[in-house]
Amino acid sequence: MITKLIRCKINGRDTENVVDIRASLADMLRNSHGLASVKKGCGVGECGACNVIIDGECFNSCIYLAVWADGKEITTTEGLVSANGELSGIQQAFIDEGAVQCGFCTPGFLMSAWGIINSGKGYSDDELRKLLSGHLCRCTGYENIFRAVRKITAGKISSHKE
C-alpha cells in the first residue's frame, strides 16, 4: 500500500491525514473523521449521497480521491451547523418543507443546495430541477426537496451558518 500525507481543512478545522493513495475522499471523511453525513451510496458518482463542498464547489466524494484534497477546504453537512448547534437555514428549510424521509440522500441534497445558493446565480424552476437531478431519492418524490431549495434560492432563508 502506498500512502501520502495530506493536509486540508475539514469543516473549518485544519487536519493531517495519512491516506492510501487509492482511497476516496468519502472513505477518508467517514473512516478517519467520523463524518457520518457523507453517505456511500453507489460508489460511482451517480446517486449524490456523498456530495461535499470542496473549495466552494460541490463534488461526489466517492469518486474524488483523498489525495486530491491536499490543500483544499472541505465542508460536509456537519459543517453547516453553527458553533452552538443550531441548524443552518438550508437544513431548517428541508425540515420546514418536509424534504426528508429516511434521510440517506438528505446530506448530499443539502450540499448541492448549498452550492446552488452560494453560486450567486438565479435559477428558473427547470434549471433547479436539472441541478438537483444528480441525486437519487427513493422516499420523497423530490417535490418537497425542490420546494425547500426553491424557498432558499428565493431568498426566504439564509444559506449560511448563523
Protein backbone atom coordinates (compact mmCIF):
# COMPACT_ATOMS: atom_id res chain seq x y z
CA MET A 1 0.00 0.00 0.00
CA ILE A 2 1.33 3.42 -0.96
CA THR A 3 0.34 6.26 1.36
CA LYS A 4 0.62 10.01 1.31
CA LEU A 5 0.31 12.71 3.95
CA ILE A 6 -2.32 15.28 3.06
CA ARG A 7 -3.25 18.47 4.82
CA CYS A 8 -6.65 20.02 4.37
CA LYS A 9 -9.32 21.94 6.23
CA ILE A 10 -12.46 19.99 7.08
CA ASN A 11 -15.45 21.91 8.41
CA GLY A 12 -13.16 24.76 9.42
CA ARG A 13 -10.55 22.62 11.18
CA ASP A 14 -7.01 22.02 9.93
CA THR A 15 -6.31 18.31 9.56
CA GLU A 16 -3.47 15.99 8.59
CA ASN A 17 -4.16 12.52 7.26
CA VAL A 18 -2.03 9.69 6.00
CA VAL A 19 -4.13 8.07 3.30
CA ASP A 20 -3.83 5.21 0.87
CA ILE A 21 -3.38 6.93 -2.50
CA ARG A 22 -6.31 4.85 -3.83
CA ALA A 23 -8.74 5.89 -1.06
CA SER A 24 -11.73 8.04 -1.86
CA LEU A 25 -12.42 11.27 -0.05
CA ALA A 26 -15.68 9.71 1.18
CA ASP A 27 -13.70 6.91 2.87
CA MET A 28 -11.31 9.39 4.49
CA LEU A 29 -14.12 11.61 5.76
CA ARG A 30 -16.11 8.69 7.17
CA ASN A 31 -13.31 6.47 8.46
CA SER A 32 -10.72 8.97 9.66
CA HIS A 33 -13.02 11.78 10.77
CA GLY A 34 -16.27 10.01 11.70
CA LEU A 35 -18.34 12.27 9.42
CA ALA A 36 -21.40 10.07 9.07
CA SER A 37 -23.27 12.54 6.85
CA VAL A 38 -21.05 11.51 3.94
CA LYS A 39 -23.03 8.53 2.68
CA LYS A 40 -21.58 5.88 0.41
CA GLY A 41 -24.47 5.03 -1.83
CA CYS A 42 -23.50 3.96 -5.32
CA GLY A 43 -19.72 4.40 -5.19
CA VAL A 44 -19.63 5.60 -8.81
CA GLY A 45 -20.80 9.22 -8.57
CA GLU A 46 -24.38 8.69 -9.68
CA CYS A 47 -26.55 8.98 -6.56
CA GLY A 48 -25.27 12.19 -4.93
CA ALA A 49 -25.44 10.86 -1.37
CA CYS A 50 -21.73 11.54 -0.79
CA ASN A 51 -21.69 15.16 -2.02
CA VAL A 52 -19.41 17.57 -0.19
CA ILE A 53 -18.21 21.09 -0.89
CA ILE A 54 -14.55 21.40 -1.90
CA ASP A 55 -13.23 24.94 -2.19
CA GLY A 56 -16.76 26.22 -2.73
CA GLU A 57 -17.81 23.68 -5.36
CA CYS A 58 -19.93 20.55 -4.95
CA PHE A 59 -18.30 17.18 -5.70
CA ASN A 60 -19.15 13.49 -5.37
CA SER A 61 -16.66 12.41 -2.71
CA CYS A 62 -16.93 8.72 -3.64
CA ILE A 63 -15.08 9.37 -6.92
CA TYR A 64 -12.81 12.15 -5.63
CA LEU A 65 -9.51 10.74 -4.39
CA ALA A 66 -8.50 11.74 -0.86
CA VAL A 67 -5.04 12.76 -2.12
CA TRP A 68 -6.67 15.38 -4.35
CA ALA A 69 -7.95 17.08 -1.17
CA ASP A 70 -4.44 18.16 -0.19
CA GLY A 71 -4.56 21.90 0.50
CA LYS A 72 -8.31 22.11 -0.02
CA GLU A 73 -11.15 23.30 2.18
CA ILE A 74 -13.91 20.71 2.59
CA THR A 75 -17.37 21.20 4.04
CA THR A 76 -19.76 18.39 4.94
CA THR A 77 -23.28 18.64 6.32
CA GLU A 78 -21.80 18.68 9.82
CA GLY A 79 -20.07 21.92 8.85
CA LEU A 80 -23.40 23.64 8.14
CA VAL A 81 -24.40 23.62 11.82
CA SER A 82 -23.47 26.73 13.83
CA ALA A 83 -20.97 26.58 16.69
CA ASN A 84 -23.82 26.49 19.21
CA GLY A 85 -25.52 23.59 17.40
CA GLU A 86 -28.25 25.49 15.59
CA LEU A 87 -29.27 24.24 12.17
CA SER A 88 -28.39 26.31 9.14
CA GLY A 89 -31.10 27.89 7.05
CA ILE A 90 -30.70 25.15 4.44
CA GLN A 91 -31.25 22.41 6.99
CA GLN A 92 -34.24 24.22 8.50
CA ALA A 93 -35.83 24.67 5.06
CA PHE A 94 -35.60 20.92 4.47
CA ILE A 95 -37.38 20.32 7.77
CA ASP A 96 -39.98 23.02 7.17
CA GLU A 97 -40.83 21.67 3.72
CA GLY A 98 -40.84 18.01 4.80
CA ALA A 99 -37.94 17.32 2.44
CA VAL A 100 -36.65 14.39 4.46
CA GLN A 101 -37.88 10.85 4.83
CA CYS A 102 -35.34 8.13 5.59
CA GLY A 103 -32.54 10.73 5.44
CA PHE A 104 -29.99 8.75 3.45
CA CYS A 105 -29.92 11.15 0.50
CA THR A 106 -30.52 14.32 2.54
CA PRO A 107 -26.88 15.28 3.29
CA GLY A 108 -25.98 15.12 -0.40
CA PHE A 109 -29.01 17.21 -1.35
CA LEU A 110 -28.12 19.74 1.36
CA MET A 111 -24.60 20.13 -0.01
CA SER A 112 -25.87 20.53 -3.57
CA ALA A 113 -28.37 23.13 -2.33
CA TRP A 114 -25.53 24.95 -0.57
CA GLY A 115 -23.59 25.01 -3.84
CA ILE A 116 -26.62 26.27 -5.76
CA ILE A 117 -27.34 29.06 -3.30
CA ASN A 118 -23.76 30.19 -2.96
CA SER A 119 -23.21 30.31 -6.71
CA GLY A 120 -24.84 33.74 -6.56
CA LYS A 121 -26.92 32.94 -9.63
CA GLY A 122 -30.67 32.96 -10.07
CA TYR A 123 -32.28 29.84 -11.48
CA SER A 124 -35.59 29.01 -13.11
CA ASP A 125 -37.56 26.07 -11.78
CA ASP A 126 -36.41 23.94 -14.72
CA GLU A 127 -32.76 24.86 -14.08
CA LEU A 128 -33.12 23.99 -10.38
CA ARG A 129 -34.64 20.63 -11.23
CA LYS A 130 -31.74 19.92 -13.58
CA LEU A 131 -29.17 20.94 -10.93
CA LEU A 132 -30.80 18.57 -8.44
CA SER A 133 -31.12 15.71 -10.94
CA GLY A 134 -27.81 14.16 -9.90
CA HIS A 135 -29.45 12.73 -6.79
CA LEU A 136 -31.42 9.58 -6.19
CA CYS A 137 -34.12 9.56 -3.53
CA ARG A 138 -36.47 6.64 -3.04
CA CYS A 139 -38.74 8.20 -0.43
CA THR A 140 -39.84 11.78 -1.02
CA GLY A 141 -40.74 12.04 -4.68
CA TYR A 142 -38.42 15.07 -4.96
CA GLU A 143 -41.16 17.74 -4.83
CA ASN A 144 -40.59 18.67 -1.17
CA ILE A 145 -36.84 18.79 -1.78
CA PHE A 146 -37.39 21.04 -4.77
CA ARG A 147 -39.67 23.32 -2.70
CA ALA A 148 -37.03 23.60 0.04
CA VAL A 149 -34.33 24.57 -2.44
CA ARG A 150 -36.68 26.96 -4.26
CA LYS A 151 -37.52 28.57 -0.89
CA ILE A 152 -33.83 29.08 -0.18
CA THR A 153 -32.99 30.44 -3.62
CA ALA A 154 -35.90 32.82 -3.40
CA GLY A 155 -34.03 34.47 -0.54
CA LYS A 156 -36.53 33.49 2.13
CA ILE A 157 -33.85 31.75 4.20
CA SER A 158 -30.18 32.43 4.76
CA SER A 159 -27.92 29.76 3.28
CA HIS A 160 -25.06 30.44 5.67
CA LYS A 161 -24.33 29.43 9.22
CA GLU A 162 -25.59 31.97 11.71
